PDB file of N, CA and C in Angstrom:
ATOM      1  N   MET A   1     162.001-103.777 -38.654  1.00  0.00           N
ATOM      2  CA  MET A   1     160.611-103.785 -38.199  1.00  0.00           C
ATOM      3  C   MET A   1     159.740-103.225 -39.319  1.00  0.00           C
ATOM      4  N   SER A   2     158.646-103.910 -39.605  1.00  0.00           N
ATOM      5  CA  SER A   2     157.741-103.443 -40.651  1.00  0.00           C
ATOM      6  C   SER A   2     157.090-102.133 -40.228  1.00  0.00           C
ATOM      7  N   SER A   3     156.577-101.414 -41.203  1.00  0.00           N
ATOM      8  CA  SER A   3     155.932-100.131 -40.881  1.00  0.00           C
ATOM      9  C   SER A   3     154.683-100.331 -40.019  1.00  0.00           C
ATOM     10  N   LYS A   4     153.957-101.439 -40.232  1.00  0.00           N
ATOM     11  CA  LYS A   4     152.780-101.701 -39.393  1.00  0.00           C
ATOM     12  C   LYS A   4     153.195-101.966 -37.953  1.00  0.00           C
ATOM     13  N   ASN A   5     154.257-102.759 -37.778  1.00  0.00           N
ATOM     14  CA  ASN A   5     154.714-103.045 -36.424  1.00  0.00           C
ATOM     15  C   ASN A   5     155.328-101.808 -35.783  1.00  0.00           C
ATOM     16  N   GLN A   6     155.995-100.984 -36.579  1.00  0.00           N
ATOM     17  CA  GLN A   6     156.514 -99.720 -36.045  1.00  0.00           C
ATOM     18  C   GLN A   6     155.354 -98.827 -35.620  1.00  0.00           C
ATOM     19  N   ASP A   7     154.279 -98.797 -36.396  1.00  0.00           N
ATOM     20  CA  ASP A   7     153.083 -98.036 -36.014  1.00  0.00           C
ATOM     21  C   ASP A   7     152.518 -98.552 -34.691  1.00  0.00           C
ATOM     22  N   ARG A   8     152.485 -99.858 -34.530  1.00  0.00           N
ATOM     23  CA  ARG A   8     151.980-100.453 -33.284  1.00  0.00           C
ATOM     24  C   ARG A   8     152.865-100.058 -32.106  1.00  0.00           C
ATOM     25  N   ALA A   9     154.175-100.131 -32.300  1.00  0.00           N
ATOM     26  CA  ALA A   9     155.107 -99.752 -31.232  1.00  0.00           C
ATOM     27  C   ALA A   9     154.975 -98.263 -30.903  1.00  0.00           C
ATOM     28  N   ASN A  10     154.839 -97.431 -31.926  1.00  0.00           N
ATOM     29  CA  ASN A  10     154.682 -95.990 -31.699  1.00  0.00           C
ATOM     30  C   ASN A  10     153.393 -95.678 -30.945  1.00  0.00           C
ATOM     31  N   ARG A  11     152.330 -96.375 -31.287  1.00  0.00           N
ATOM     32  CA  ARG A  11     151.045 -96.182 -30.600  1.00  0.00           C
ATOM     33  C   ARG A  11     151.173 -96.549 -29.125  1.00  0.00           C
ATOM     34  N   ALA A  12     151.832 -97.663 -28.847  1.00  0.00           N
ATOM     35  CA  ALA A  12     152.035 -98.075 -27.463  1.00  0.00           C
ATOM     36  C   ALA A  12     152.930 -97.082 -26.727  1.00  0.00           C
ATOM     37  N   TYR A  13     153.955 -96.578 -27.409  1.00  0.00           N
ATOM     38  CA  TYR A  13     154.855 -95.617 -26.780  1.00  0.00           C
ATOM     39  C   TYR A  13     154.121 -94.325 -26.409  1.00  0.00           C
ATOM     40  N   ARG A  14     153.279 -93.848 -27.314  1.00  0.00           N
ATOM     41  CA  ARG A  14     152.492 -92.632 -27.015  1.00  0.00           C
ATOM     42  C   ARG A  14     151.570 -92.874 -25.826  1.00  0.00           C
ATOM     43  N   THR A  15     150.981 -94.058 -25.756  1.00  0.00           N
ATOM     44  CA  THR A  15     150.137 -94.416 -24.618  1.00  0.00           C
ATOM     45  C   THR A  15     150.952 -94.432 -23.334  1.00  0.00           C
ATOM     46  N   LEU A  16     152.147 -95.003 -23.408  1.00  0.00           N
ATOM     47  CA  LEU A  16     153.020 -95.062 -22.236  1.00  0.00           C
ATOM     48  C   LEU A  16     153.396 -93.659 -21.767  1.00  0.00           C
ATOM     49  N   LEU A  17     153.671 -92.752 -22.699  1.00  0.00           N
ATOM     50  CA  LEU A  17     154.018 -91.379 -22.313  1.00  0.00           C
ATOM     51  C   LEU A  17     152.870 -90.698 -21.571  1.00  0.00           C
ATOM     52  N   VAL A  18     151.647 -90.901 -22.032  1.00  0.00           N
ATOM     53  CA  VAL A  18     150.481 -90.337 -21.347  1.00  0.00           C
ATOM     54  C   VAL A  18     150.360 -90.949 -19.956  1.00  0.00           C
ATOM     55  N   TYR A  19     150.530 -92.265 -19.865  1.00  0.00           N
ATOM     56  CA  TYR A  19     150.463 -92.942 -18.576  1.00  0.00           C
ATOM     57  C   TYR A  19     151.527 -92.389 -17.633  1.00  0.00           C
ATOM     58  N   GLN A  20     152.723 -92.151 -18.150  1.00  0.00           N
ATOM     59  CA  GLN A  20     153.787 -91.596 -17.320  1.00  0.00           C
ATOM     60  C   GLN A  20     153.437 -90.190 -16.827  1.00  0.00           C
ATOM     61  N   GLN A  21     152.795 -89.407 -17.650  1.00  0.00           N
ATOM     62  CA  GLN A  21     152.362 -88.070 -17.225  1.00  0.00           C
ATOM     63  C   GLN A  21     151.333 -88.170 -16.111  1.00  0.00           C
ATOM     64  N   ILE A  22     150.412 -89.109 -16.238  1.00  0.00           N
ATOM     65  CA  ILE A  22     149.349 -89.272 -15.248  1.00  0.00           C
ATOM     66  C   ILE A  22     149.913 -89.734 -13.908  1.00  0.00           C
ATOM     67  N   THR A  23     150.856 -90.686 -13.969  1.00  0.00           N
ATOM     68  CA  THR A  23     151.358 -91.295 -12.735  1.00  0.00           C
ATOM     69  C   THR A  23     152.616 -90.637 -12.185  1.00  0.00           C
ATOM     70  N   GLY A  24     153.320 -89.908 -13.018  1.00  0.00           N
ATOM     71  CA  GLY A  24     154.579 -89.308 -12.589  1.00  0.00           C
ATOM     72  C   GLY A  24     155.738 -90.287 -12.595  1.00  0.00           C
ATOM     73  N   THR A  25     155.547 -91.461 -13.164  1.00  0.00           N
ATOM     74  CA  THR A  25     156.618 -92.448 -13.269  1.00  0.00           C
ATOM     75  C   THR A  25     157.544 -92.039 -14.402  1.00  0.00           C
ATOM     76  N   SER A  26     158.825 -91.864 -14.089  1.00  0.00           N
ATOM     77  CA  SER A  26     159.732 -91.336 -15.106  1.00  0.00           C
ATOM     78  C   SER A  26     160.443 -92.418 -15.922  1.00  0.00           C
ATOM     79  N   GLU A  27     160.735 -93.545 -15.328  1.00  0.00           N
ATOM     80  CA  GLU A  27     161.457 -94.603 -16.038  1.00  0.00           C
ATOM     81  C   GLU A  27     160.492 -95.446 -16.866  1.00  0.00           C
ATOM     82  N   HIS A  28     160.845 -95.692 -18.128  1.00  0.00           N
ATOM     83  CA  HIS A  28     159.977 -96.479 -19.009  1.00  0.00           C
ATOM     84  C   HIS A  28     159.729 -97.884 -18.457  1.00  0.00           C
ATOM     85  N   ASP A  29     160.792 -98.543 -17.972  1.00  0.00           N
ATOM     86  CA  ASP A  29     160.627 -99.910 -17.455  1.00  0.00           C
ATOM     87  C   ASP A  29     159.619 -99.949 -16.308  1.00  0.00           C
ATOM     88  N   ALA A  30     159.768 -99.028 -15.373  1.00  0.00           N
ATOM     89  CA  ALA A  30     158.853 -98.992 -14.222  1.00  0.00           C
ATOM     90  C   ALA A  30     157.440 -98.642 -14.671  1.00  0.00           C
ATOM     91  N   ALA A  31     157.322 -97.755 -15.643  1.00  0.00           N
ATOM     92  CA  ALA A  31     155.998 -97.368 -16.128  1.00  0.00           C
ATOM     93  C   ALA A  31     155.291 -98.543 -16.805  1.00  0.00           C
ATOM     94  N   VAL A  32     156.034 -99.352 -17.550  1.00  0.00           N
ATOM     95  CA  VAL A  32     155.432-100.527 -18.187  1.00  0.00           C
ATOM     96  C   VAL A  32     154.916-101.492 -17.119  1.00  0.00           C
ATOM     97  N   VAL A  33     155.718-101.729 -16.088  1.00  0.00           N
ATOM     98  CA  VAL A  33     155.294-102.618 -15.000  1.00  0.00           C
ATOM     99  C   VAL A  33     154.064-102.050 -14.308  1.00  0.00           C
ATOM    100  N   ASP A  34     154.069-100.755 -14.001  1.00  0.00           N
ATOM    101  CA  ASP A  34     152.924-100.126 -13.334  1.00  0.00           C
ATOM    102  C   ASP A  34     151.672-100.190 -14.196  1.00  0.00           C
ATOM    103  N   LEU A  35     151.832 -99.951 -15.496  1.00  0.00           N
ATOM    104  CA  LEU A  35     150.691-100.008 -16.404  1.00  0.00           C
ATOM    105  C   LEU A  35     150.127-101.419 -16.477  1.00  0.00           C
ATOM    106  N   LEU A  36     151.000-102.406 -16.593  1.00  0.00           N
ATOM    107  CA  LEU A  36     150.523-103.796 -16.609  1.00  0.00           C
ATOM    108  C   LEU A  36     149.804-104.151 -15.314  1.00  0.00           C
ATOM    109  N   THR A  37     150.333-103.678 -14.208  1.00  0.00           N
ATOM    110  CA  THR A  37     149.686-103.932 -12.917  1.00  0.00           C
ATOM    111  C   THR A  37     148.312-103.284 -12.863  1.00  0.00           C
ATOM    112  N   ASP A  38     148.224-102.034 -13.320  1.00  0.00           N
ATOM    113  CA  ASP A  38     146.932-101.349 -13.345  1.00  0.00           C
ATOM    114  C   ASP A  38     145.951-102.049 -14.278  1.00  0.00           C
ATOM    115  N   LEU A  39     146.448-102.578 -15.384  1.00  0.00           N
ATOM    116  CA  LEU A  39     145.567-103.332 -16.288  1.00  0.00           C
ATOM    117  C   LEU A  39     145.048-104.597 -15.614  1.00  0.00           C
ATOM    118  N   ARG A  40     145.848-105.204 -14.763  1.00  0.00           N
ATOM    119  CA  ARG A  40     145.372-106.364 -13.997  1.00  0.00           C
ATOM    120  C   ARG A  40     144.250-105.960 -13.040  1.00  0.00           C
ATOM    121  N   HIS A  41     144.399-104.788 -12.407  1.00  0.00           N
ATOM    122  CA  HIS A  41     143.325-104.292 -11.531  1.00  0.00           C
ATOM    123  C   HIS A  41     142.054-104.037 -12.341  1.00  0.00           C
ATOM    124  N   LEU A  42     142.206-103.425 -13.496  1.00  0.00           N
ATOM    125  CA  LEU A  42     141.069-103.162 -14.371  1.00  0.00           C
ATOM    126  C   LEU A  42     140.387-104.473 -14.770  1.00  0.00           C
ATOM    127  N   ALA A  43     141.189-105.450 -15.152  1.00  0.00           N
ATOM    128  CA  ALA A  43     140.638-106.748 -15.547  1.00  0.00           C
ATOM    129  C   ALA A  43     139.888-107.401 -14.395  1.00  0.00           C
ATOM    130  N   ALA A  44     140.432-107.302 -13.197  1.00  0.00           N
ATOM    131  CA  ALA A  44     139.751-107.872 -12.027  1.00  0.00           C
ATOM    132  C   ALA A  44     138.409-107.189 -11.801  1.00  0.00           C
ATOM    133  N   ASP A  45     138.375-105.877 -11.942  1.00  0.00           N
ATOM    134  CA  ASP A  45     137.127-105.130 -11.752  1.00  0.00           C
ATOM    135  C   ASP A  45     136.063-105.480 -12.778  1.00  0.00           C
ATOM    136  N   TYR A  46     136.497-105.823 -14.003  1.00  0.00           N
ATOM    137  CA  TYR A  46     135.552-106.088 -15.082  1.00  0.00           C
ATOM    138  C   TYR A  46     135.460-107.570 -15.446  1.00  0.00           C
ATOM    139  N   ALA A  47     135.975-108.430 -14.569  1.00  0.00           N
ATOM    140  CA  ALA A  47     135.920-109.883 -14.766  1.00  0.00           C
ATOM    141  C   ALA A  47     136.497-110.300 -16.120  1.00  0.00           C
ATOM    142  N   ILE A  48     137.614-109.685 -16.483  1.00  0.00           N
ATOM    143  CA  ILE A  48     138.333-110.040 -17.705  1.00  0.00           C
ATOM    144  C   ILE A  48     139.433-111.028 -17.317  1.00  0.00           C
ATOM    145  N   ASP A  49     139.555-112.100 -18.050  1.00  0.00           N
ATOM    146  CA  ASP A  49     140.595-113.095 -17.791  1.00  0.00           C
ATOM    147  C   ASP A  49     141.919-112.552 -18.324  1.00  0.00           C
ATOM    148  N   ILE A  50     142.706-111.936 -17.441  1.00  0.00           N
ATOM    149  CA  ILE A  50     143.939-111.269 -17.855  1.00  0.00           C
ATOM    150  C   ILE A  50     144.960-112.271 -18.378  1.00  0.00           C
ATOM    151  N   GLU A  51     145.018-113.462 -17.782  1.00  0.00           N
ATOM    152  CA  GLU A  51     145.983-114.459 -18.246  1.00  0.00           C
ATOM    153  C   GLU A  51     145.660-114.896 -19.673  1.00  0.00           C
ATOM    154  N   ALA A  52     144.391-115.060 -19.966  1.00  0.00           N
ATOM    155  CA  ALA A  52     143.986-115.395 -21.342  1.00  0.00           C
ATOM    156  C   ALA A  52     144.330-114.250 -22.282  1.00  0.00           C
ATOM    157  N   ALA A  53     144.106-113.027 -21.841  1.00  0.00           N
ATOM    158  CA  ALA A  53     144.427-111.867 -22.668  1.00  0.00           C
ATOM    159  C   ALA A  53     145.927-111.805 -22.966  1.00  0.00           C
ATOM    160  N   VAL A  54     146.742-112.114 -21.976  1.00  0.00           N
ATOM    161  CA  VAL A  54     148.197-112.117 -22.169  1.00  0.00           C
ATOM    162  C   VAL A  54     148.591-113.211 -23.169  1.00  0.00           C
ATOM    163  N   ARG A  55     148.020-114.401 -23.027  1.00  0.00           N
ATOM    164  CA  ARG A  55     148.326-115.492 -23.962  1.00  0.00           C
ATOM    165  C   ARG A  55     147.919-115.126 -25.385  1.00  0.00           C
ATOM    166  N   ILE A  56     146.721-114.578 -25.529  1.00  0.00           N
ATOM    167  CA  ILE A  56     146.229-114.205 -26.855  1.00  0.00           C
ATOM    168  C   ILE A  56     147.099-113.106 -27.443  1.00  0.00           C
ATOM    169  N   SER A  57     147.469-112.121 -26.627  1.00  0.00           N
ATOM    170  CA  SER A  57     148.304-111.029 -27.139  1.00  0.00           C
ATOM    171  C   SER A  57     149.681-111.544 -27.559  1.00  0.00           C
ATOM    172  N   ALA A  58     150.217-112.535 -26.859  1.00  0.00           N
ATOM    173  CA  ALA A  58     151.500-113.126 -27.252  1.00  0.00           C
ATOM    174  C   ALA A  58     151.378-113.784 -28.626  1.00  0.00           C
ATOM    175  N   GLY A  59     150.270-114.456 -28.857  1.00  0.00           N
ATOM    176  CA  GLY A  59     150.033-115.055 -30.172  1.00  0.00           C
ATOM    177  C   GLY A  59     149.913-114.009 -31.256  1.00  0.00           C
ATOM    178  N   HIS A  60     149.220-112.928 -30.971  1.00  0.00           N
ATOM    179  CA  HIS A  60     149.076-111.845 -31.938  1.00  0.00           C
ATOM    180  C   HIS A  60     150.434-111.232 -32.249  1.00  0.00           C
ATOM    181  N   PHE A  61     151.229-111.002 -31.199  1.00  0.00           N
ATOM    182  CA  PHE A  61     152.563-110.429 -31.382  1.00  0.00           C
ATOM    183  C   PHE A  61     153.415-111.343 -32.270  1.00  0.00           C
ATOM    184  N   ASP A  62     153.429-112.634 -31.962  1.00  0.00           N
ATOM    185  CA  ASP A  62     154.213-113.576 -32.761  1.00  0.00           C
ATOM    186  C   ASP A  62     153.781-113.559 -34.223  1.00  0.00           C
ATOM    187  N   ALA A  63     152.480-113.521 -34.461  1.00  0.00           N
ATOM    188  CA  ALA A  63     151.969-113.500 -35.827  1.00  0.00           C
ATOM    189  C   ALA A  63     152.345-112.201 -36.540  1.00  0.00           C
ATOM    190  N   GLU A  64     152.272-111.090 -35.813  1.00  0.00           N
ATOM    191  CA  GLU A  64     152.612-109.802 -36.433  1.00  0.00           C
ATOM    192  C   GLU A  64     154.099-109.709 -36.754  1.00  0.00           C
ATOM    193  N   VAL A  65     154.950-110.229 -35.856  1.00  0.00           N
ATOM    194  CA  VAL A  65     156.392-110.221 -36.108  1.00  0.00           C
ATOM    195  C   VAL A  65     156.728-111.174 -37.274  1.00  0.00           C
ATOM    196  N   ALA A  66     156.079-112.330 -37.298  1.00  0.00           N
ATOM    197  CA  ALA A  66     156.329-113.294 -38.375  1.00  0.00           C
ATOM    198  C   ALA A  66     155.872-112.743 -39.715  1.00  0.00           C
ATOM    199  N   GLY A  67     154.859-111.876 -39.684  1.00  0.00           N
ATOM    200  CA  GLY A  67     154.332-111.309 -40.921  1.00  0.00           C
ATOM    201  C   GLY A  67     155.132-110.162 -41.483  1.00  0.00           C
ATOM    202  N   GLU A  68     156.206-109.795 -40.802  1.00  0.00           N
ATOM    203  CA  GLU A  68     157.034-108.687 -41.284  1.00  0.00           C
ATOM    204  C   GLU A  68     157.558-109.059 -42.640  1.00  0.00           C
TER     205      GLU A  68
END
């Protein structure tokens, strides 16, 4: 993994740890699912097209991994 992608993963991991502290969810897998679900609620509240965001993020991820 490139250092930039490792930085991205570390940033997400730190965010997940904070989310786990807030929610009390101890398992990483469950916390990721809960966080994604909460992001869907946030998107609904702010009229954000979550499906488009997921598609775009998948493209960004593929490009970042390919750029390693």
